[in-house]
Every structure is written in C-alpha cells, then in structure tokens.
N, C-alpha and C. Protein backbone atom coordinates (compact mmCIF):
# COMPACT_ATOMS: atom_id res chain seq x y z
N MET A 1 138.53 56.27 83.91
CA MET A 1 138.10 56.36 82.54
C MET A 1 139.28 56.13 81.63
N HIS A 2 139.18 55.16 80.72
CA HIS A 2 140.29 54.86 79.83
C HIS A 2 139.76 54.67 78.43
N GLY A 3 140.69 54.80 77.46
CA GLY A 3 140.35 54.53 76.08
C GLY A 3 139.25 55.43 75.58
N ASP A 4 138.43 54.85 74.66
CA ASP A 4 137.38 55.63 74.03
C ASP A 4 136.32 56.09 75.02
N SER A 5 136.19 55.44 76.18
CA SER A 5 135.16 55.80 77.13
C SER A 5 135.38 57.18 77.72
N ALA A 6 136.61 57.72 77.59
CA ALA A 6 136.89 59.05 78.12
C ALA A 6 136.35 60.14 77.21
N TYR A 7 135.95 59.79 75.99
CA TYR A 7 135.50 60.78 75.03
C TYR A 7 134.19 60.33 74.39
N GLY A 8 133.67 61.16 73.54
CA GLY A 8 132.36 60.88 72.96
C GLY A 8 131.24 61.11 73.95
N LEU A 9 131.54 61.81 75.04
CA LEU A 9 130.55 62.08 76.08
C LEU A 9 129.90 63.44 75.81
N TRP A 10 129.07 63.48 74.78
CA TRP A 10 128.52 64.75 74.32
C TRP A 10 127.54 65.36 75.31
N THR A 11 126.95 64.52 76.14
CA THR A 11 126.08 65.07 77.18
C THR A 11 126.88 65.93 78.14
N LEU A 12 128.10 65.47 78.49
CA LEU A 12 128.96 66.26 79.36
C LEU A 12 129.44 67.53 78.67
N VAL A 13 129.68 67.46 77.36
CA VAL A 13 130.08 68.64 76.60
C VAL A 13 128.99 69.71 76.71
N ILE A 14 127.76 69.30 76.43
CA ILE A 14 126.63 70.24 76.46
C ILE A 14 126.39 70.75 77.88
N LEU A 15 126.42 69.84 78.85
CA LEU A 15 126.12 70.21 80.23
C LEU A 15 127.16 71.18 80.78
N ASN A 16 128.45 70.84 80.63
CA ASN A 16 129.50 71.71 81.16
C ASN A 16 129.54 73.06 80.44
N SER A 17 129.38 73.04 79.11
CA SER A 17 129.36 74.29 78.36
C SER A 17 128.21 75.17 78.83
N ALA A 18 127.04 74.56 78.98
CA ALA A 18 125.86 75.32 79.39
C ALA A 18 126.03 75.91 80.78
N ILE A 19 126.62 75.14 81.70
CA ILE A 19 126.80 75.62 83.07
C ILE A 19 127.72 76.84 83.11
N PHE A 20 128.88 76.75 82.45
CA PHE A 20 129.83 77.86 82.50
C PHE A 20 129.35 79.07 81.71
N ILE A 21 128.68 78.83 80.59
CA ILE A 21 128.16 79.94 79.81
C ILE A 21 127.03 80.64 80.57
N PHE A 22 126.15 79.85 81.18
CA PHE A 22 125.06 80.45 81.95
C PHE A 22 125.61 81.19 83.17
N PHE A 23 126.64 80.60 83.80
CA PHE A 23 127.27 81.22 84.96
C PHE A 23 127.83 82.59 84.58
N ALA A 24 128.54 82.63 83.44
CA ALA A 24 129.10 83.90 82.97
C ALA A 24 127.99 84.87 82.58
N PHE A 25 126.94 84.35 81.96
CA PHE A 25 125.82 85.19 81.55
C PHE A 25 125.13 85.83 82.76
N SER A 26 125.00 85.07 83.83
CA SER A 26 124.32 85.58 85.03
C SER A 26 125.10 86.73 85.64
N PHE A 27 126.43 86.74 85.45
CA PHE A 27 127.26 87.83 85.95
C PHE A 27 127.34 88.99 84.95
N ALA A 28 127.52 88.63 83.68
CA ALA A 28 127.77 89.65 82.66
C ALA A 28 126.50 90.39 82.24
N LYS A 29 125.38 89.65 82.12
CA LYS A 29 124.10 90.25 81.71
C LYS A 29 124.28 91.16 80.50
N PRO A 30 124.75 90.61 79.37
CA PRO A 30 125.00 91.44 78.18
C PRO A 30 123.74 92.15 77.72
N GLN A 31 123.90 93.43 77.37
CA GLN A 31 122.77 94.24 76.91
C GLN A 31 123.04 94.88 75.56
N THR A 32 124.22 95.48 75.41
CA THR A 32 124.54 96.15 74.16
C THR A 32 125.14 95.15 73.17
N LYS A 33 125.29 95.59 71.91
CA LYS A 33 125.91 94.74 70.90
C LYS A 33 127.34 94.39 71.28
N THR A 34 128.04 95.36 71.85
CA THR A 34 129.42 95.11 72.28
C THR A 34 129.46 94.06 73.40
N ASP A 35 128.51 94.16 74.33
CA ASP A 35 128.43 93.16 75.40
C ASP A 35 128.26 91.76 74.82
N TRP A 36 127.35 91.64 73.85
CA TRP A 36 127.06 90.33 73.26
C TRP A 36 128.26 89.80 72.47
N ARG A 37 128.99 90.68 71.83
CA ARG A 37 130.17 90.23 71.08
C ARG A 37 131.23 89.66 72.02
N SER A 38 131.49 90.36 73.10
CA SER A 38 132.49 89.88 74.05
C SER A 38 132.03 88.58 74.70
N PHE A 39 130.75 88.51 75.03
CA PHE A 39 130.22 87.29 75.65
C PHE A 39 130.20 86.14 74.64
N GLY A 40 129.88 86.42 73.38
CA GLY A 40 129.87 85.38 72.36
C GLY A 40 131.25 84.80 72.11
N ALA A 41 132.27 85.66 72.12
CA ALA A 41 133.65 85.18 71.94
C ALA A 41 134.05 84.26 73.08
N PHE A 42 133.69 84.63 74.29
CA PHE A 42 133.98 83.79 75.45
C PHE A 42 133.24 82.46 75.35
N SER A 43 131.98 82.48 74.94
CA SER A 43 131.18 81.26 74.83
C SER A 43 131.78 80.30 73.80
N ALA A 44 132.28 80.85 72.68
CA ALA A 44 132.90 80.01 71.65
C ALA A 44 134.13 79.29 72.20
N PHE A 45 134.91 79.99 73.01
CA PHE A 45 136.09 79.39 73.64
C PHE A 45 135.67 78.25 74.56
N ILE A 46 134.65 78.46 75.38
CA ILE A 46 134.19 77.44 76.32
C ILE A 46 133.69 76.20 75.59
N ILE A 47 132.93 76.39 74.53
CA ILE A 47 132.40 75.25 73.78
C ILE A 47 133.55 74.45 73.15
N ALA A 48 134.53 75.16 72.57
CA ALA A 48 135.68 74.48 71.97
C ALA A 48 136.46 73.70 73.02
N LEU A 49 136.59 74.28 74.21
CA LEU A 49 137.32 73.62 75.30
C LEU A 49 136.67 72.31 75.70
N PHE A 50 135.38 72.35 76.01
CA PHE A 50 134.71 71.14 76.50
C PHE A 50 134.46 70.12 75.40
N THR A 51 134.42 70.57 74.15
CA THR A 51 134.32 69.61 73.05
C THR A 51 135.54 68.71 73.02
N GLU A 52 136.72 69.30 73.25
CA GLU A 52 137.94 68.48 73.27
C GLU A 52 138.10 67.75 74.59
N MET A 53 137.59 68.30 75.67
CA MET A 53 137.76 67.67 76.97
C MET A 53 136.93 66.40 77.09
N TYR A 54 135.73 66.41 76.53
CA TYR A 54 134.84 65.25 76.68
C TYR A 54 134.28 64.71 75.37
N GLY A 55 134.38 65.47 74.30
CA GLY A 55 133.77 65.05 73.05
C GLY A 55 134.73 64.34 72.11
N PHE A 56 135.54 65.12 71.40
CA PHE A 56 136.49 64.57 70.44
C PHE A 56 137.87 65.15 70.67
N PRO A 57 138.87 64.33 71.04
CA PRO A 57 140.21 64.84 71.38
C PRO A 57 141.06 65.14 70.15
N LEU A 58 140.68 66.20 69.43
CA LEU A 58 141.37 66.55 68.19
C LEU A 58 142.86 66.75 68.40
N THR A 59 143.22 67.46 69.46
CA THR A 59 144.64 67.75 69.71
C THR A 59 145.44 66.47 69.93
N ILE A 60 144.88 65.55 70.71
CA ILE A 60 145.58 64.29 70.99
C ILE A 60 145.74 63.46 69.71
N TYR A 61 144.71 63.43 68.87
CA TYR A 61 144.82 62.70 67.61
C TYR A 61 145.84 63.35 66.70
N PHE A 62 145.85 64.66 66.67
CA PHE A 62 146.77 65.38 65.80
C PHE A 62 148.22 65.17 66.24
N LEU A 63 148.44 65.10 67.55
CA LEU A 63 149.79 64.93 68.09
C LEU A 63 150.11 63.49 68.47
N SER A 64 149.25 62.56 68.06
CA SER A 64 149.38 61.17 68.52
C SER A 64 150.73 60.55 68.20
N GLY A 65 151.26 60.81 67.01
CA GLY A 65 152.55 60.23 66.64
C GLY A 65 153.66 60.72 67.54
N TRP A 66 153.72 62.03 67.75
CA TRP A 66 154.76 62.60 68.61
C TRP A 66 154.58 62.17 70.05
N LEU A 67 153.34 62.14 70.54
CA LEU A 67 153.08 61.75 71.92
C LEU A 67 153.47 60.29 72.17
N ALA A 68 153.15 59.41 71.20
CA ALA A 68 153.47 57.99 71.35
C ALA A 68 154.98 57.77 71.39
N GLU A 69 155.71 58.55 70.61
CA GLU A 69 157.17 58.42 70.57
C GLU A 69 157.82 59.01 71.83
N LYS A 70 157.29 60.15 72.26
CA LYS A 70 157.88 60.86 73.39
C LYS A 70 157.50 60.22 74.72
N TYR A 71 156.26 59.71 74.81
CA TYR A 71 155.76 59.14 76.06
C TYR A 71 155.19 57.74 75.80
N PRO A 72 156.07 56.78 75.52
CA PRO A 72 155.60 55.42 75.22
C PRO A 72 154.88 54.80 76.41
N GLY A 73 153.82 54.10 76.13
CA GLY A 73 153.08 53.42 77.19
C GLY A 73 152.03 54.27 77.87
N VAL A 74 151.97 55.56 77.55
CA VAL A 74 150.98 56.45 78.16
C VAL A 74 149.70 56.43 77.33
N ASP A 75 148.59 56.15 77.98
CA ASP A 75 147.29 56.13 77.29
C ASP A 75 146.69 57.54 77.33
N PHE A 76 146.93 58.29 76.26
CA PHE A 76 146.45 59.66 76.23
C PHE A 76 144.95 59.76 75.96
N LEU A 77 144.31 58.63 75.70
CA LEU A 77 142.86 58.66 75.54
C LEU A 77 142.13 58.45 76.86
N SER A 78 142.89 58.32 77.95
CA SER A 78 142.26 58.34 79.26
C SER A 78 142.09 59.79 79.67
N HIS A 79 141.10 60.06 80.48
CA HIS A 79 140.82 61.46 80.84
C HIS A 79 141.97 62.10 81.61
N GLU A 80 142.56 61.37 82.55
CA GLU A 80 143.63 61.94 83.37
C GLU A 80 144.83 62.32 82.52
N ASN A 81 145.21 61.49 81.55
CA ASN A 81 146.35 61.79 80.71
C ASN A 81 146.00 62.83 79.64
N GLY A 82 144.70 63.13 79.51
CA GLY A 82 144.30 64.20 78.62
C GLY A 82 144.75 65.56 79.12
N HIS A 83 145.09 65.64 80.41
CA HIS A 83 145.71 66.87 80.95
C HIS A 83 147.16 66.88 80.46
N LEU A 84 147.37 67.36 79.26
CA LEU A 84 148.67 67.22 78.60
C LEU A 84 149.81 67.87 79.37
N LEU A 85 149.59 69.06 79.92
CA LEU A 85 150.67 69.72 80.65
C LEU A 85 151.09 68.92 81.88
N HIS A 86 150.14 68.27 82.52
CA HIS A 86 150.44 67.44 83.69
C HIS A 86 151.42 66.33 83.31
N THR A 87 151.14 65.67 82.18
CA THR A 87 152.00 64.58 81.74
C THR A 87 153.32 65.08 81.19
N MET A 88 153.27 66.10 80.36
CA MET A 88 154.47 66.59 79.69
C MET A 88 155.46 67.23 80.66
N LEU A 89 154.96 67.80 81.76
CA LEU A 89 155.86 68.43 82.74
C LEU A 89 156.30 67.46 83.82
N GLY A 90 155.86 66.21 83.72
CA GLY A 90 156.34 65.18 84.63
C GLY A 90 155.69 65.16 86.00
N PHE A 91 154.51 65.76 86.14
CA PHE A 91 153.81 65.69 87.42
C PHE A 91 153.28 64.28 87.64
N GLU A 92 153.19 63.88 88.88
CA GLU A 92 152.67 62.55 89.22
C GLU A 92 151.40 62.69 90.04
N GLY A 93 150.63 61.61 90.09
CA GLY A 93 149.40 61.62 90.88
C GLY A 93 148.23 62.19 90.11
N ASP A 94 147.17 62.48 90.84
CA ASP A 94 145.93 62.99 90.24
C ASP A 94 146.18 64.39 89.66
N PRO A 95 145.95 64.58 88.35
CA PRO A 95 146.21 65.88 87.74
C PRO A 95 145.33 67.00 88.29
N HIS A 96 144.20 66.64 88.91
CA HIS A 96 143.31 67.65 89.45
C HIS A 96 143.89 68.33 90.70
N PHE A 97 145.01 67.79 91.22
CA PHE A 97 145.62 68.37 92.41
C PHE A 97 147.06 68.81 92.17
N ASP A 98 147.48 68.90 90.90
CA ASP A 98 148.82 69.38 90.63
C ASP A 98 148.83 70.91 90.67
N PRO A 99 150.01 71.54 90.74
CA PRO A 99 150.08 73.00 90.86
C PRO A 99 149.37 73.74 89.74
N LEU A 100 149.43 73.21 88.51
CA LEU A 100 148.79 73.88 87.39
C LEU A 100 147.28 73.91 87.55
N HIS A 101 146.72 72.78 87.98
CA HIS A 101 145.27 72.71 88.11
C HIS A 101 144.79 73.60 89.27
N ILE A 102 145.57 73.65 90.34
CA ILE A 102 145.21 74.52 91.46
C ILE A 102 145.26 75.98 91.03
N ALA A 103 146.33 76.35 90.31
CA ALA A 103 146.44 77.72 89.80
C ALA A 103 145.29 78.03 88.84
N SER A 104 144.94 77.03 88.04
CA SER A 104 143.82 77.19 87.11
C SER A 104 142.53 77.50 87.85
N ASN A 105 142.24 76.72 88.88
CA ASN A 105 141.01 76.94 89.65
C ASN A 105 140.99 78.32 90.30
N VAL A 106 142.14 78.75 90.80
CA VAL A 106 142.23 80.06 91.44
C VAL A 106 141.93 81.17 90.42
N LEU A 107 142.52 81.06 89.23
CA LEU A 107 142.30 82.06 88.19
C LEU A 107 140.84 82.09 87.75
N ILE A 108 140.23 80.92 87.60
CA ILE A 108 138.84 80.85 87.16
C ILE A 108 137.91 81.47 88.20
N VAL A 109 138.11 81.11 89.47
CA VAL A 109 137.25 81.65 90.53
C VAL A 109 137.43 83.17 90.65
N LEU A 110 138.68 83.64 90.65
CA LEU A 110 138.94 85.07 90.73
C LEU A 110 138.39 85.80 89.51
N GLY A 111 138.49 85.14 88.35
CA GLY A 111 137.96 85.74 87.13
C GLY A 111 136.46 85.95 87.21
N PHE A 112 135.73 84.94 87.69
CA PHE A 112 134.27 85.08 87.82
C PHE A 112 133.92 86.12 88.89
N PHE A 113 134.71 86.18 89.96
CA PHE A 113 134.47 87.19 90.99
C PHE A 113 134.66 88.59 90.42
N LEU A 114 135.73 88.78 89.65
CA LEU A 114 136.00 90.07 89.03
C LEU A 114 134.91 90.42 88.03
N LEU A 115 134.47 89.43 87.25
CA LEU A 115 133.41 89.66 86.26
C LEU A 115 132.14 90.14 86.94
N ALA A 116 131.75 89.48 88.01
CA ALA A 116 130.53 89.86 88.73
C ALA A 116 130.65 91.26 89.30
N SER A 117 131.79 91.57 89.91
CA SER A 117 131.99 92.88 90.52
C SER A 117 132.00 93.99 89.47
N ALA A 118 132.70 93.73 88.36
CA ALA A 118 132.85 94.76 87.33
C ALA A 118 131.53 95.04 86.62
N TRP A 119 130.82 93.99 86.23
CA TRP A 119 129.58 94.21 85.49
C TRP A 119 128.50 94.83 86.37
N ASN A 120 128.54 94.59 87.65
CA ASN A 120 127.57 95.22 88.55
C ASN A 120 127.73 96.74 88.51
N VAL A 121 128.98 97.20 88.54
CA VAL A 121 129.26 98.63 88.46
C VAL A 121 128.90 99.18 87.09
N LEU A 122 129.29 98.44 86.03
CA LEU A 122 129.07 98.90 84.66
C LEU A 122 127.59 99.06 84.34
N HIS A 123 126.79 98.09 84.72
CA HIS A 123 125.37 98.15 84.39
C HIS A 123 124.63 99.23 85.16
N LYS A 124 125.05 99.50 86.39
CA LYS A 124 124.46 100.61 87.13
C LYS A 124 124.78 101.92 86.43
N ALA A 125 126.00 102.03 85.92
CA ALA A 125 126.39 103.24 85.20
C ALA A 125 125.60 103.37 83.90
N GLN A 126 125.40 102.25 83.20
CA GLN A 126 124.62 102.29 81.96
C GLN A 126 123.19 102.72 82.21
N GLN A 127 122.62 102.27 83.31
CA GLN A 127 121.23 102.62 83.63
C GLN A 127 121.07 104.11 83.94
N THR A 128 122.10 104.72 84.50
CA THR A 128 122.02 106.14 84.85
C THR A 128 122.73 107.03 83.83
N HIS A 129 123.23 106.40 82.73
CA HIS A 129 123.95 107.13 81.68
C HIS A 129 125.11 107.94 82.26
N SER A 130 125.86 107.29 83.13
CA SER A 130 127.02 107.92 83.75
C SER A 130 128.25 107.06 83.53
N LEU A 131 129.41 107.58 83.88
CA LEU A 131 130.66 106.83 83.75
C LEU A 131 130.79 105.79 84.86
N ALA A 132 131.32 104.64 84.49
CA ALA A 132 131.64 103.62 85.49
C ALA A 132 133.05 103.88 85.97
N THR A 133 133.19 104.45 87.16
CA THR A 133 134.52 104.81 87.68
C THR A 133 134.72 104.36 89.12
N THR A 134 133.84 103.52 89.63
CA THR A 134 133.98 103.05 91.00
C THR A 134 134.30 101.55 91.00
N GLY A 135 134.55 101.00 92.19
CA GLY A 135 134.87 99.58 92.27
C GLY A 135 136.11 99.25 91.47
N TRP A 136 136.06 98.19 90.70
CA TRP A 136 137.21 97.80 89.90
C TRP A 136 137.47 98.78 88.76
N TYR A 137 136.46 99.54 88.36
CA TYR A 137 136.67 100.55 87.31
C TYR A 137 137.49 101.73 87.82
N ALA A 138 137.71 101.80 89.12
CA ALA A 138 138.62 102.80 89.67
C ALA A 138 140.07 102.33 89.58
N ARG A 139 140.26 101.05 89.37
CA ARG A 139 141.62 100.50 89.29
C ARG A 139 142.10 100.32 87.86
N CYS A 140 141.18 100.00 86.96
CA CYS A 140 141.53 99.86 85.54
C CYS A 140 140.27 100.08 84.71
N ARG A 141 140.46 100.36 83.43
CA ARG A 141 139.33 100.76 82.60
C ARG A 141 138.56 99.58 82.01
N HIS A 142 139.14 98.39 81.99
CA HIS A 142 138.48 97.27 81.33
C HIS A 142 138.50 95.99 82.18
N PRO A 143 138.01 96.06 83.41
CA PRO A 143 138.06 94.87 84.27
C PRO A 143 137.21 93.70 83.75
N GLN A 144 136.13 94.00 83.01
CA GLN A 144 135.29 92.92 82.51
C GLN A 144 136.04 92.05 81.49
N TYR A 145 136.86 92.68 80.66
CA TYR A 145 137.64 91.92 79.69
C TYR A 145 138.80 91.19 80.37
N ILE A 146 139.39 91.81 81.37
CA ILE A 146 140.44 91.13 82.14
C ILE A 146 139.88 89.87 82.78
N ALA A 147 138.63 89.94 83.26
CA ALA A 147 138.00 88.77 83.88
C ALA A 147 137.85 87.63 82.89
N PHE A 148 137.34 87.92 81.68
CA PHE A 148 137.19 86.89 80.66
C PHE A 148 138.55 86.26 80.32
N ILE A 149 139.58 87.10 80.22
CA ILE A 149 140.92 86.62 79.89
C ILE A 149 141.46 85.72 81.00
N MET A 150 141.25 86.09 82.25
CA MET A 150 141.69 85.28 83.38
C MET A 150 141.02 83.90 83.36
N ILE A 151 139.73 83.87 83.10
CA ILE A 151 139.00 82.60 83.08
C ILE A 151 139.51 81.71 81.95
N MET A 152 139.68 82.28 80.77
CA MET A 152 140.15 81.49 79.63
C MET A 152 141.57 80.98 79.86
N PHE A 153 142.44 81.84 80.40
CA PHE A 153 143.82 81.40 80.66
C PHE A 153 143.83 80.31 81.73
N GLY A 154 142.93 80.42 82.71
CA GLY A 154 142.84 79.38 83.74
C GLY A 154 142.49 78.03 83.13
N PHE A 155 141.54 78.02 82.21
CA PHE A 155 141.18 76.77 81.56
C PHE A 155 142.33 76.23 80.71
N LEU A 156 143.10 77.11 80.09
CA LEU A 156 144.23 76.66 79.29
C LEU A 156 145.28 75.96 80.14
N LEU A 157 145.44 76.39 81.38
CA LEU A 157 146.42 75.76 82.26
C LEU A 157 146.08 74.30 82.56
N GLN A 158 144.78 74.01 82.66
CA GLN A 158 144.41 72.64 83.00
C GLN A 158 144.12 71.78 81.79
N TRP A 159 143.75 72.38 80.65
CA TRP A 159 143.41 71.56 79.48
C TRP A 159 143.72 72.32 78.19
N PRO A 160 145.00 72.47 77.84
CA PRO A 160 145.35 73.18 76.60
C PRO A 160 145.04 72.33 75.38
N THR A 161 144.48 72.93 74.37
CA THR A 161 144.21 72.25 73.10
C THR A 161 144.65 73.16 71.97
N LEU A 162 144.86 72.58 70.80
CA LEU A 162 145.28 73.40 69.65
C LEU A 162 144.23 74.45 69.28
N PRO A 163 142.93 74.09 69.24
CA PRO A 163 141.93 75.12 68.91
C PRO A 163 141.89 76.26 69.93
N THR A 164 141.91 75.93 71.23
CA THR A 164 141.81 76.98 72.23
C THR A 164 143.10 77.80 72.32
N LEU A 165 144.24 77.14 72.10
CA LEU A 165 145.50 77.89 72.08
C LEU A 165 145.53 78.84 70.89
N GLY A 166 144.90 78.43 69.78
CA GLY A 166 144.81 79.31 68.62
C GLY A 166 143.79 80.42 68.83
N MET A 167 142.70 80.10 69.53
CA MET A 167 141.66 81.09 69.77
C MET A 167 142.08 82.15 70.77
N PHE A 168 142.89 81.76 71.76
CA PHE A 168 143.21 82.67 72.86
C PHE A 168 143.83 83.98 72.39
N PRO A 169 144.91 83.97 71.58
CA PRO A 169 145.47 85.27 71.15
C PRO A 169 144.50 86.05 70.26
N ILE A 170 143.69 85.32 69.48
CA ILE A 170 142.70 86.01 68.63
C ILE A 170 141.69 86.73 69.51
N LEU A 171 141.24 86.07 70.58
CA LEU A 171 140.28 86.68 71.48
C LEU A 171 140.89 87.86 72.24
N LEU A 172 142.19 87.77 72.54
CA LEU A 172 142.86 88.93 73.15
C LEU A 172 142.76 90.14 72.24
N VAL A 173 143.01 89.93 70.95
CA VAL A 173 142.91 91.02 69.98
C VAL A 173 141.48 91.53 69.90
N VAL A 174 140.51 90.60 69.91
CA VAL A 174 139.10 90.98 69.85
C VAL A 174 138.73 91.87 71.04
N TYR A 175 139.16 91.47 72.23
CA TYR A 175 138.83 92.24 73.43
C TYR A 175 139.51 93.61 73.42
N VAL A 176 140.74 93.67 72.94
CA VAL A 176 141.43 94.96 72.86
C VAL A 176 140.70 95.89 71.89
N ARG A 177 140.29 95.34 70.75
CA ARG A 177 139.57 96.15 69.76
C ARG A 177 138.21 96.60 70.30
N LEU A 178 137.52 95.70 71.00
CA LEU A 178 136.24 96.08 71.59
C LEU A 178 136.43 97.18 72.64
N ALA A 179 137.51 97.05 73.42
CA ALA A 179 137.78 98.05 74.45
C ALA A 179 138.04 99.42 73.81
N LYS A 180 138.81 99.45 72.73
CA LYS A 180 139.10 100.70 72.06
C LYS A 180 137.82 101.30 71.45
N ARG A 181 136.98 100.42 70.91
CA ARG A 181 135.72 100.90 70.34
C ARG A 181 134.83 101.50 71.42
N GLU A 182 134.78 100.84 72.58
CA GLU A 182 133.99 101.36 73.69
C GLU A 182 134.52 102.72 74.15
N GLU A 183 135.84 102.87 74.14
CA GLU A 183 136.42 104.12 74.59
C GLU A 183 136.11 105.26 73.62
N ARG A 184 136.10 104.96 72.32
CA ARG A 184 135.73 105.99 71.36
C ARG A 184 134.28 106.43 71.58
N MET A 185 133.41 105.46 71.85
CA MET A 185 132.01 105.78 72.11
C MET A 185 131.86 106.58 73.40
N ALA A 186 132.66 106.24 74.43
CA ALA A 186 132.60 106.95 75.70
C ALA A 186 133.07 108.39 75.55
N ILE A 187 134.11 108.60 74.72
CA ILE A 187 134.59 109.96 74.49
C ILE A 187 133.53 110.78 73.78
N GLU A 188 132.84 110.16 72.81
CA GLU A 188 131.77 110.87 72.11
C GLU A 188 130.64 111.26 73.06
N GLU A 189 130.37 110.40 74.05
CA GLU A 189 129.25 110.65 74.96
C GLU A 189 129.64 111.55 76.13
N PHE A 190 130.84 111.33 76.70
CA PHE A 190 131.20 112.04 77.93
C PHE A 190 132.31 113.08 77.75
N GLY A 191 132.97 113.06 76.60
CA GLY A 191 133.96 114.09 76.30
C GLY A 191 135.12 114.14 77.28
N ASP A 192 135.38 115.35 77.83
CA ASP A 192 136.55 115.56 78.70
C ASP A 192 136.50 114.73 79.97
N ALA A 193 135.29 114.41 80.44
CA ALA A 193 135.18 113.60 81.66
C ALA A 193 135.84 112.24 81.45
N TYR A 194 135.60 111.65 80.27
CA TYR A 194 136.21 110.34 80.02
C TYR A 194 137.70 110.48 79.73
N ARG A 195 138.10 111.57 79.08
CA ARG A 195 139.53 111.78 78.83
C ARG A 195 140.29 111.91 80.15
N HIS A 196 139.70 112.59 81.09
CA HIS A 196 140.33 112.71 82.42
C HIS A 196 140.41 111.34 83.09
N TYR A 197 139.36 110.55 82.94
CA TYR A 197 139.35 109.18 83.49
C TYR A 197 140.47 108.35 82.86
N MET A 198 140.66 108.48 81.56
CA MET A 198 141.72 107.73 80.87
C MET A 198 143.10 108.14 81.37
N GLU A 199 143.27 109.43 81.66
CA GLU A 199 144.57 109.92 82.12
C GLU A 199 144.92 109.42 83.52
N SER A 200 143.91 109.21 84.34
CA SER A 200 144.15 108.85 85.73
C SER A 200 144.01 107.36 86.02
N THR A 201 143.49 106.59 85.05
CA THR A 201 143.22 105.17 85.30
C THR A 201 143.83 104.32 84.18
N PRO A 202 144.68 103.35 84.50
CA PRO A 202 145.29 102.50 83.46
C PRO A 202 144.24 101.64 82.77
N ALA A 203 144.56 101.23 81.55
CA ALA A 203 143.61 100.44 80.76
C ALA A 203 143.53 99.00 81.23
N TRP A 204 144.68 98.34 81.41
CA TRP A 204 144.66 96.90 81.63
C TRP A 204 145.31 96.43 82.92
N ILE A 205 146.33 97.10 83.40
CA ILE A 205 147.02 96.67 84.62
C ILE A 205 146.45 97.44 85.80
N PRO A 206 145.69 96.78 86.68
CA PRO A 206 145.01 97.50 87.77
C PRO A 206 145.98 98.20 88.71
N LYS A 207 145.56 99.37 89.19
CA LYS A 207 146.32 100.07 90.22
C LYS A 207 146.15 99.33 91.55
N LEU A 208 147.16 99.42 92.40
CA LEU A 208 147.13 98.69 93.67
C LEU A 208 146.67 99.55 94.83
N ASN A 209 146.35 100.83 94.57
CA ASN A 209 145.89 101.67 95.66
C ASN A 209 144.44 101.36 96.00
N ASN A 210 143.89 101.98 96.99
CA ASN A 210 142.52 101.71 97.42
C ASN A 210 141.52 102.09 96.35
N LEU A 211 140.41 101.36 96.33
CA LEU A 211 139.37 101.63 95.35
C LEU A 211 138.75 102.99 95.60
N LYS A 212 138.45 103.69 94.52
CA LYS A 212 137.79 104.99 94.63
C LYS A 212 136.30 104.80 94.86
N THR A 213 135.70 105.79 95.39
CA THR A 213 134.24 105.77 95.55
C THR A 213 133.60 106.95 94.85
N SER A 214 134.41 107.86 94.33
CA SER A 214 133.86 109.02 93.65
C SER A 214 133.69 108.77 92.17
N THR A 215 132.91 109.60 91.51
CA THR A 215 132.70 109.51 90.07
C THR A 215 133.12 110.83 89.43
N TYR A 216 133.30 110.77 88.10
CA TYR A 216 133.71 111.98 87.40
C TYR A 216 132.49 112.75 86.95
C-alpha cells in the first residue's frame, strides 16, 4: 500500500474500531456510570487511533516538513512507513515484526487478559454487594484501569499519533480520578473493611506474591 491508497479507508476505521471496542465491551461489561465513563474514554482513544491509522494521517501531514527533511525519499503515506517509531529508530524490514510491534502485541494481549480477569471478579462482587478482593484485586486495587492503560500504551508503541499521545496522559488522569472516586464510594459503603483492604493492597503496582482467595 503506497500513497493515498494507504489512507481514506474509512471502512477499515469503522471495522477495526468496532472490533476492539466490542472486544473490550465483552470483557468489561460496563454497568455503572463510572464503568461507562472509563469504557467511553478507552473507546475515544481507539477511534482516534484507527482514524489516523487508516483514515486521515493528521500527524504525518502536520510533521510532513520535518519528516521530509529528516528522512528524504521515505514515503510516509505508505502504511508501513506510517509506523513512525519503526522508521525513526532505524528498524529495517516489516514493521509488524520489529521489537516495538512485538512488545505492543504482548501488552495488548496481556491487557485484554487482565481486563477479562479483573472485571469477572468485580462484577461478581457487585452482584453480591461485597468487596472485590480476590484474583487480581488481591494484588492491586485497580487492575481494570491498569488493563486499559496497558492496551492503550501497547497501541502507542506501534502507531503513535499526536492526538493519541495527547490523549494518553489525559486518560491517565481520568482513570486516577475515577479510581479515587470509586474508593470514596467504597469507603462509604464498606467502611473499615475497605480501609483495611487499602492498607494491605497497593493501588497501582501489583504485588508479586500469590493471589489471595479470601475476602474481607
């Protein structure tokens, strides 16, 4: 794929966005307003990503002068050269098999695995009006948000764009604020039980010991 044929493929934008959003939805199963906010933020990131990947290469047009001067003779409107980090870091060959893309795929797959595992525990706890403290919730307090962050960072490794690079830190702040809001609500509902959980379980960096099976 070269030149303009690599972009303007809006069917691929819609199809890929729908697949990843539906995939995340099938794992996350948002129910509360907070669930929908976190899922909506993730969906906006995915749509922005695939819009630039197959629709309109805003980042490449914006940086076209610098790219043409720095990398003369490179057709950045071809899909392969659209992997900017691949070209800028001097990797050769198919960008889909460079170290960045492999690391990206690993992060995305692990992120979806974590999302599925975490939300399964969370929703069972919501149904029984109890604390989610087993599975990944025994290692950290916000594994569902860590999963979304892993997936988004994975996509940034293979296809960084100005909009998604700008959105990423904003979404980090959004997820941190949502996490704090959820914790205030949990303290109101569970009181000392949740405070004890906070004292024994880190918020963001998972513990490396064995998963717990008990609840508070």
